[in-house]
Amino acid sequence: MAEPSPAVAAAIEGELRLLDPAVRASVELLASLLHPGFREIGSTGRLWTRETIIASLTGAHAPRPGPLTASRMRGAQLGPDLVHLTFDTESKGVRSHRSSLWRLTPEGWRLYFHQATPFEEDPPAGGSSSNGE
């Protein structure tokens, strides 16, 4: 497998930092990784902005889900300043498919958009589901 481009490698590094509980608990570290225009569609369907996600993750009563493990992380550079990542996470038995867009800014690569979709089990490759999905 070929090494990722420097842009994809930087986005992967940033994404892995965002999974670190110490980073998730720090206003300063989160702010350095999230683009000013950041938006997220969370695994519950909730819409988040940069400000609301930072406040939620760093507040005194913030949930501490424990470590998130990532797998199947892949990236594609869509342009000189845009990278798309897909990966799966698991924490305490809850698994989610994730998709992220990272944009290059004068301060470096920052997360611009993120979406998480919970899943239980993937269908076999090449198979079709009974509901047309």
N, C-alpha and C. Protein backbone atom coordinates (compact mmCIF):
# COMPACT_ATOMS: atom_id res chain seq x y z
N MET A 1 0.83 -1.17 0.00
CA MET A 1 0.00 0.00 0.00
C MET A 1 0.88 1.24 0.00
N ALA A 2 0.53 2.22 -0.82
CA ALA A 2 1.32 3.44 -0.94
C ALA A 2 1.18 4.30 0.30
N GLU A 3 2.24 5.03 0.60
CA GLU A 3 2.20 5.97 1.72
C GLU A 3 1.22 7.09 1.38
N PRO A 4 0.49 7.59 2.38
CA PRO A 4 -0.43 8.70 2.10
C PRO A 4 0.33 9.97 1.76
N SER A 5 -0.32 10.87 1.04
CA SER A 5 0.29 12.16 0.74
C SER A 5 0.54 12.91 2.05
N PRO A 6 1.42 13.90 2.04
CA PRO A 6 1.63 14.67 3.27
C PRO A 6 0.34 15.30 3.80
N ALA A 7 -0.55 15.72 2.92
CA ALA A 7 -1.82 16.32 3.35
C ALA A 7 -2.69 15.28 4.06
N VAL A 8 -2.80 14.09 3.48
CA VAL A 8 -3.60 13.03 4.11
C VAL A 8 -2.96 12.61 5.43
N ALA A 9 -1.65 12.50 5.46
CA ALA A 9 -0.96 12.14 6.71
C ALA A 9 -1.22 13.18 7.80
N ALA A 10 -1.23 14.46 7.43
CA ALA A 10 -1.49 15.52 8.42
C ALA A 10 -2.92 15.43 8.93
N ALA A 11 -3.88 15.15 8.05
CA ALA A 11 -5.28 15.03 8.47
C ALA A 11 -5.45 13.81 9.40
N ILE A 12 -4.81 12.71 9.06
CA ILE A 12 -4.89 11.51 9.91
C ILE A 12 -4.29 11.82 11.29
N GLU A 13 -3.16 12.49 11.30
CA GLU A 13 -2.53 12.85 12.58
C GLU A 13 -3.49 13.72 13.41
N GLY A 14 -4.13 14.70 12.78
CA GLY A 14 -5.07 15.55 13.49
C GLY A 14 -6.27 14.77 14.01
N GLU A 15 -6.78 13.86 13.18
CA GLU A 15 -7.94 13.06 13.59
C GLU A 15 -7.59 12.18 14.79
N LEU A 16 -6.43 11.57 14.76
CA LEU A 16 -6.01 10.73 15.88
C LEU A 16 -5.81 11.57 17.14
N ARG A 17 -5.32 12.79 17.00
CA ARG A 17 -5.19 13.67 18.17
C ARG A 17 -6.56 13.96 18.76
N LEU A 18 -7.57 14.16 17.91
CA LEU A 18 -8.92 14.45 18.39
C LEU A 18 -9.54 13.27 19.15
N LEU A 19 -9.03 12.08 18.95
CA LEU A 19 -9.53 10.91 19.68
C LEU A 19 -8.90 10.78 21.07
N ASP A 20 -7.85 11.53 21.33
CA ASP A 20 -7.13 11.48 22.60
C ASP A 20 -7.97 12.16 23.69
N PRO A 21 -8.28 11.47 24.79
CA PRO A 21 -9.08 12.08 25.86
C PRO A 21 -8.48 13.39 26.39
N ALA A 22 -7.16 13.51 26.45
CA ALA A 22 -6.54 14.75 26.94
C ALA A 22 -6.82 15.91 25.99
N VAL A 23 -6.78 15.65 24.70
CA VAL A 23 -7.08 16.70 23.71
C VAL A 23 -8.56 17.07 23.80
N ARG A 24 -9.42 16.07 23.92
CA ARG A 24 -10.86 16.30 23.98
C ARG A 24 -11.28 17.10 25.21
N ALA A 25 -10.44 17.13 26.23
CA ALA A 25 -10.76 17.86 27.46
C ALA A 25 -10.14 19.26 27.50
N SER A 26 -9.43 19.67 26.45
CA SER A 26 -8.71 20.94 26.44
C SER A 26 -9.30 21.93 25.44
N VAL A 27 -9.78 23.06 25.92
CA VAL A 27 -10.31 24.10 25.04
C VAL A 27 -9.24 24.52 24.04
N GLU A 28 -8.04 24.75 24.51
CA GLU A 28 -6.96 25.24 23.64
C GLU A 28 -6.60 24.23 22.55
N LEU A 29 -6.46 22.97 22.93
CA LEU A 29 -6.09 21.96 21.94
C LEU A 29 -7.21 21.73 20.92
N LEU A 30 -8.44 21.68 21.39
CA LEU A 30 -9.57 21.54 20.45
C LEU A 30 -9.63 22.73 19.50
N ALA A 31 -9.50 23.92 20.04
CA ALA A 31 -9.57 25.12 19.21
C ALA A 31 -8.48 25.13 18.15
N SER A 32 -7.32 24.55 18.46
CA SER A 32 -6.23 24.53 17.49
C SER A 32 -6.47 23.52 16.37
N LEU A 33 -7.38 22.58 16.57
CA LEU A 33 -7.64 21.54 15.57
C LEU A 33 -8.95 21.74 14.81
N LEU A 34 -9.86 22.55 15.34
CA LEU A 34 -11.15 22.76 14.69
C LEU A 34 -11.16 24.06 13.90
N HIS A 35 -11.59 23.97 12.66
CA HIS A 35 -11.71 25.13 11.77
C HIS A 35 -12.74 26.10 12.34
N PRO A 36 -12.58 27.42 12.15
CA PRO A 36 -13.58 28.36 12.65
C PRO A 36 -14.99 28.08 12.11
N GLY A 37 -15.11 27.51 10.92
CA GLY A 37 -16.41 27.18 10.35
C GLY A 37 -16.86 25.75 10.61
N PHE A 38 -16.23 25.07 11.57
CA PHE A 38 -16.52 23.66 11.86
C PHE A 38 -18.01 23.42 12.10
N ARG A 39 -18.48 22.29 11.53
CA ARG A 39 -19.84 21.78 11.77
C ARG A 39 -19.73 20.26 11.91
N GLU A 40 -20.61 19.69 12.72
CA GLU A 40 -20.66 18.24 12.89
C GLU A 40 -22.10 17.79 12.94
N ILE A 41 -22.35 16.63 12.34
CA ILE A 41 -23.59 15.91 12.53
C ILE A 41 -23.21 14.70 13.37
N GLY A 42 -23.60 14.73 14.63
CA GLY A 42 -23.21 13.68 15.57
C GLY A 42 -23.95 12.38 15.34
N SER A 43 -23.53 11.35 16.04
CA SER A 43 -24.11 10.02 15.87
C SER A 43 -25.57 9.97 16.30
N THR A 44 -26.03 10.96 17.08
CA THR A 44 -27.43 11.02 17.48
C THR A 44 -28.26 11.88 16.52
N GLY A 45 -27.59 12.50 15.54
CA GLY A 45 -28.27 13.40 14.62
C GLY A 45 -28.18 14.85 15.04
N ARG A 46 -27.62 15.12 16.20
CA ARG A 46 -27.49 16.49 16.68
C ARG A 46 -26.50 17.27 15.81
N LEU A 47 -26.82 18.53 15.56
CA LEU A 47 -25.92 19.42 14.82
C LEU A 47 -25.06 20.20 15.82
N TRP A 48 -23.77 20.24 15.54
CA TRP A 48 -22.82 20.91 16.42
C TRP A 48 -22.07 21.99 15.65
N THR A 49 -21.72 23.08 16.34
CA THR A 49 -20.81 24.09 15.81
C THR A 49 -19.49 23.95 16.56
N ARG A 50 -18.52 24.70 16.14
CA ARG A 50 -17.22 24.70 16.83
C ARG A 50 -17.42 25.05 18.31
N GLU A 51 -18.19 26.09 18.56
CA GLU A 51 -18.38 26.56 19.93
C GLU A 51 -19.14 25.55 20.78
N THR A 52 -20.20 24.95 20.22
CA THR A 52 -21.00 24.03 21.03
C THR A 52 -20.26 22.73 21.31
N ILE A 53 -19.47 22.24 20.36
CA ILE A 53 -18.75 20.99 20.60
C ILE A 53 -17.63 21.21 21.61
N ILE A 54 -16.92 22.35 21.52
CA ILE A 54 -15.87 22.62 22.50
C ILE A 54 -16.47 22.74 23.90
N ALA A 55 -17.57 23.46 24.02
CA ALA A 55 -18.21 23.62 25.33
C ALA A 55 -18.69 22.28 25.88
N SER A 56 -19.25 21.44 25.01
CA SER A 56 -19.76 20.14 25.45
C SER A 56 -18.63 19.21 25.91
N LEU A 57 -17.54 19.19 25.16
CA LEU A 57 -16.45 18.27 25.47
C LEU A 57 -15.61 18.71 26.66
N THR A 58 -15.57 20.01 26.94
CA THR A 58 -14.68 20.50 27.99
C THR A 58 -15.40 20.97 29.24
N GLY A 59 -16.71 20.93 29.25
CA GLY A 59 -17.47 21.39 30.41
C GLY A 59 -17.25 20.53 31.63
N ALA A 60 -17.60 21.08 32.78
CA ALA A 60 -17.42 20.37 34.05
C ALA A 60 -18.17 19.04 34.08
N HIS A 61 -19.30 18.97 33.41
CA HIS A 61 -20.10 17.74 33.41
C HIS A 61 -20.03 17.01 32.07
N ALA A 62 -18.94 17.22 31.34
CA ALA A 62 -18.78 16.59 30.03
C ALA A 62 -18.72 15.08 30.18
N PRO A 63 -19.38 14.36 29.26
CA PRO A 63 -19.28 12.90 29.31
C PRO A 63 -17.85 12.46 29.01
N ARG A 64 -17.41 11.46 29.69
CA ARG A 64 -16.08 10.90 29.45
C ARG A 64 -16.27 9.46 28.96
N PRO A 65 -16.39 9.30 27.63
CA PRO A 65 -16.73 7.99 27.10
C PRO A 65 -15.62 6.96 27.22
N GLY A 66 -14.45 7.37 27.61
CA GLY A 66 -13.33 6.44 27.63
C GLY A 66 -12.62 6.50 26.29
N PRO A 67 -11.61 5.70 26.14
CA PRO A 67 -10.83 5.77 24.90
C PRO A 67 -11.66 5.34 23.68
N LEU A 68 -11.46 6.07 22.61
CA LEU A 68 -12.05 5.71 21.31
C LEU A 68 -10.95 5.02 20.51
N THR A 69 -11.27 3.89 19.91
CA THR A 69 -10.31 3.25 19.04
C THR A 69 -10.76 3.43 17.60
N ALA A 70 -9.82 3.70 16.74
CA ALA A 70 -10.11 3.92 15.33
C ALA A 70 -9.59 2.76 14.50
N SER A 71 -10.33 2.45 13.44
CA SER A 71 -9.89 1.41 12.50
C SER A 71 -10.32 1.81 11.10
N ARG A 72 -9.75 1.14 10.12
CA ARG A 72 -10.07 1.33 8.70
C ARG A 72 -9.97 2.79 8.26
N MET A 73 -9.01 3.53 8.80
CA MET A 73 -8.87 4.93 8.43
C MET A 73 -8.25 5.03 7.04
N ARG A 74 -8.92 5.79 6.19
CA ARG A 74 -8.47 6.01 4.82
C ARG A 74 -8.65 7.46 4.48
N GLY A 75 -7.82 7.97 3.60
CA GLY A 75 -7.92 9.36 3.22
C GLY A 75 -7.71 9.57 1.74
N ALA A 76 -8.29 10.66 1.24
CA ALA A 76 -8.11 11.07 -0.15
C ALA A 76 -7.95 12.58 -0.17
N GLN A 77 -6.94 13.04 -0.90
CA GLN A 77 -6.76 14.47 -1.05
C GLN A 77 -7.64 14.91 -2.22
N LEU A 78 -8.63 15.76 -1.92
CA LEU A 78 -9.60 16.20 -2.93
C LEU A 78 -9.15 17.46 -3.65
N GLY A 79 -8.21 18.17 -3.10
CA GLY A 79 -7.67 19.39 -3.68
C GLY A 79 -6.46 19.80 -2.89
N PRO A 80 -5.79 20.88 -3.27
CA PRO A 80 -4.58 21.28 -2.55
C PRO A 80 -4.84 21.63 -1.08
N ASP A 81 -6.09 22.00 -0.76
CA ASP A 81 -6.40 22.41 0.61
C ASP A 81 -7.56 21.64 1.23
N LEU A 82 -7.84 20.42 0.71
CA LEU A 82 -8.99 19.66 1.21
C LEU A 82 -8.69 18.17 1.22
N VAL A 83 -8.92 17.52 2.38
CA VAL A 83 -8.71 16.08 2.55
C VAL A 83 -9.98 15.48 3.13
N HIS A 84 -10.37 14.32 2.60
CA HIS A 84 -11.52 13.57 3.12
C HIS A 84 -11.01 12.30 3.79
N LEU A 85 -11.42 12.08 5.04
CA LEU A 85 -11.07 10.86 5.77
C LEU A 85 -12.34 10.07 6.06
N THR A 86 -12.24 8.75 6.01
CA THR A 86 -13.29 7.87 6.50
C THR A 86 -12.64 6.86 7.44
N PHE A 87 -13.38 6.49 8.48
CA PHE A 87 -12.87 5.52 9.45
C PHE A 87 -14.00 5.08 10.35
N ASP A 88 -13.72 4.08 11.15
CA ASP A 88 -14.68 3.58 12.14
C ASP A 88 -14.10 3.80 13.53
N THR A 89 -14.99 4.01 14.50
CA THR A 89 -14.55 4.08 15.89
C THR A 89 -15.37 3.13 16.73
N GLU A 90 -14.81 2.79 17.89
CA GLU A 90 -15.50 1.94 18.86
C GLU A 90 -15.14 2.45 20.24
N SER A 91 -16.16 2.56 21.09
CA SER A 91 -15.96 2.92 22.49
C SER A 91 -17.05 2.25 23.30
N LYS A 92 -16.64 1.41 24.23
CA LYS A 92 -17.58 0.70 25.11
C LYS A 92 -18.66 -0.03 24.32
N GLY A 93 -18.25 -0.66 23.22
CA GLY A 93 -19.18 -1.45 22.40
C GLY A 93 -19.99 -0.67 21.40
N VAL A 94 -19.90 0.65 21.40
CA VAL A 94 -20.63 1.47 20.43
C VAL A 94 -19.71 1.76 19.26
N ARG A 95 -20.15 1.37 18.06
CA ARG A 95 -19.35 1.56 16.85
C ARG A 95 -20.01 2.59 15.95
N SER A 96 -19.17 3.40 15.28
CA SER A 96 -19.66 4.42 14.35
C SER A 96 -18.78 4.48 13.12
N HIS A 97 -19.43 4.63 11.95
CA HIS A 97 -18.72 5.00 10.73
C HIS A 97 -18.54 6.52 10.80
N ARG A 98 -17.38 7.00 10.39
CA ARG A 98 -17.11 8.44 10.48
C ARG A 98 -16.54 8.97 9.17
N SER A 99 -16.87 10.21 8.90
CA SER A 99 -16.40 10.91 7.71
C SER A 99 -16.00 12.32 8.13
N SER A 100 -14.81 12.76 7.70
CA SER A 100 -14.29 14.07 8.07
C SER A 100 -13.72 14.78 6.87
N LEU A 101 -13.90 16.09 6.84
CA LEU A 101 -13.25 16.95 5.85
C LEU A 101 -12.28 17.86 6.59
N TRP A 102 -11.04 17.85 6.13
CA TRP A 102 -9.98 18.68 6.72
C TRP A 102 -9.56 19.74 5.70
N ARG A 103 -9.47 21.00 6.15
CA ARG A 103 -9.08 22.11 5.27
C ARG A 103 -7.76 22.70 5.74
N LEU A 104 -6.94 23.05 4.76
CA LEU A 104 -5.66 23.70 5.06
C LEU A 104 -5.91 25.19 5.29
N THR A 105 -5.43 25.69 6.41
CA THR A 105 -5.53 27.11 6.76
C THR A 105 -4.12 27.64 6.97
N PRO A 106 -3.96 28.95 7.13
CA PRO A 106 -2.61 29.47 7.43
C PRO A 106 -2.03 28.88 8.72
N GLU A 107 -2.89 28.38 9.62
CA GLU A 107 -2.42 27.78 10.87
C GLU A 107 -2.15 26.29 10.74
N GLY A 108 -2.47 25.69 9.59
CA GLY A 108 -2.28 24.26 9.37
C GLY A 108 -3.61 23.58 9.06
N TRP A 109 -3.61 22.26 9.06
CA TRP A 109 -4.81 21.48 8.74
C TRP A 109 -5.77 21.51 9.91
N ARG A 110 -7.04 21.84 9.61
CA ARG A 110 -8.07 21.90 10.65
C ARG A 110 -9.32 21.16 10.19
N LEU A 111 -9.99 20.54 11.16
CA LEU A 111 -11.21 19.80 10.87
C LEU A 111 -12.33 20.78 10.55
N TYR A 112 -12.91 20.64 9.35
CA TYR A 112 -13.96 21.54 8.86
C TYR A 112 -15.36 20.94 9.03
N PHE A 113 -15.48 19.61 8.77
CA PHE A 113 -16.78 18.96 8.87
C PHE A 113 -16.58 17.52 9.34
N HIS A 114 -17.53 17.04 10.16
CA HIS A 114 -17.45 15.66 10.65
C HIS A 114 -18.86 15.10 10.77
N GLN A 115 -18.99 13.83 10.41
CA GLN A 115 -20.27 13.13 10.60
C GLN A 115 -20.00 11.73 11.12
N ALA A 116 -20.84 11.30 12.07
CA ALA A 116 -20.74 9.95 12.65
C ALA A 116 -22.08 9.26 12.49
N THR A 117 -22.03 7.99 12.08
CA THR A 117 -23.24 7.19 11.92
C THR A 117 -23.05 5.88 12.65
N PRO A 118 -23.86 5.60 13.68
CA PRO A 118 -23.70 4.34 14.41
C PRO A 118 -24.02 3.15 13.51
N PHE A 119 -23.36 2.02 13.80
CA PHE A 119 -23.66 0.80 13.06
C PHE A 119 -23.44 -0.40 13.97
N GLU A 120 -24.11 -1.49 13.63
CA GLU A 120 -23.94 -2.73 14.39
C GLU A 120 -23.07 -3.72 13.66
N GLU A 121 -23.34 -3.92 12.38
CA GLU A 121 -22.53 -4.86 11.60
C GLU A 121 -22.65 -4.50 10.13
N ASP A 122 -21.52 -4.54 9.43
CA ASP A 122 -21.54 -4.27 8.00
C ASP A 122 -22.05 -5.49 7.25
N PRO A 123 -22.83 -5.29 6.17
CA PRO A 123 -23.21 -6.43 5.33
C PRO A 123 -21.98 -6.94 4.59
N PRO A 124 -22.02 -8.18 4.14
CA PRO A 124 -20.88 -8.71 3.38
C PRO A 124 -20.62 -7.87 2.14
N ALA A 125 -19.35 -7.75 1.78
CA ALA A 125 -18.99 -6.98 0.59
C ALA A 125 -19.68 -7.56 -0.64
N GLY A 126 -20.22 -6.66 -1.46
CA GLY A 126 -20.87 -7.10 -2.69
C GLY A 126 -22.31 -7.56 -2.48
N GLY A 127 -22.74 -7.66 -1.25
CA GLY A 127 -24.12 -8.10 -0.98
C GLY A 127 -25.06 -6.92 -1.06
N SER A 128 -26.32 -7.23 -1.13
CA SER A 128 -27.33 -6.17 -1.12
C SER A 128 -28.27 -6.42 0.05
N SER A 129 -28.83 -5.35 0.57
CA SER A 129 -29.75 -5.50 1.68
C SER A 129 -31.16 -5.63 1.14
N SER A 130 -32.04 -6.11 1.98
CA SER A 130 -33.42 -6.33 1.56
C SER A 130 -34.23 -5.06 1.47
N ASN A 131 -33.71 -3.95 2.04
CA ASN A 131 -34.48 -2.72 2.01
C ASN A 131 -34.01 -1.74 0.95
N GLY A 132 -33.17 -2.18 0.04
CA GLY A 132 -32.75 -1.36 -1.09
C GLY A 132 -31.60 -0.40 -0.81
N GLU A 133 -31.04 -0.44 0.37
CA GLU A 133 -29.93 0.46 0.68
C GLU A 133 -28.64 -0.05 0.11
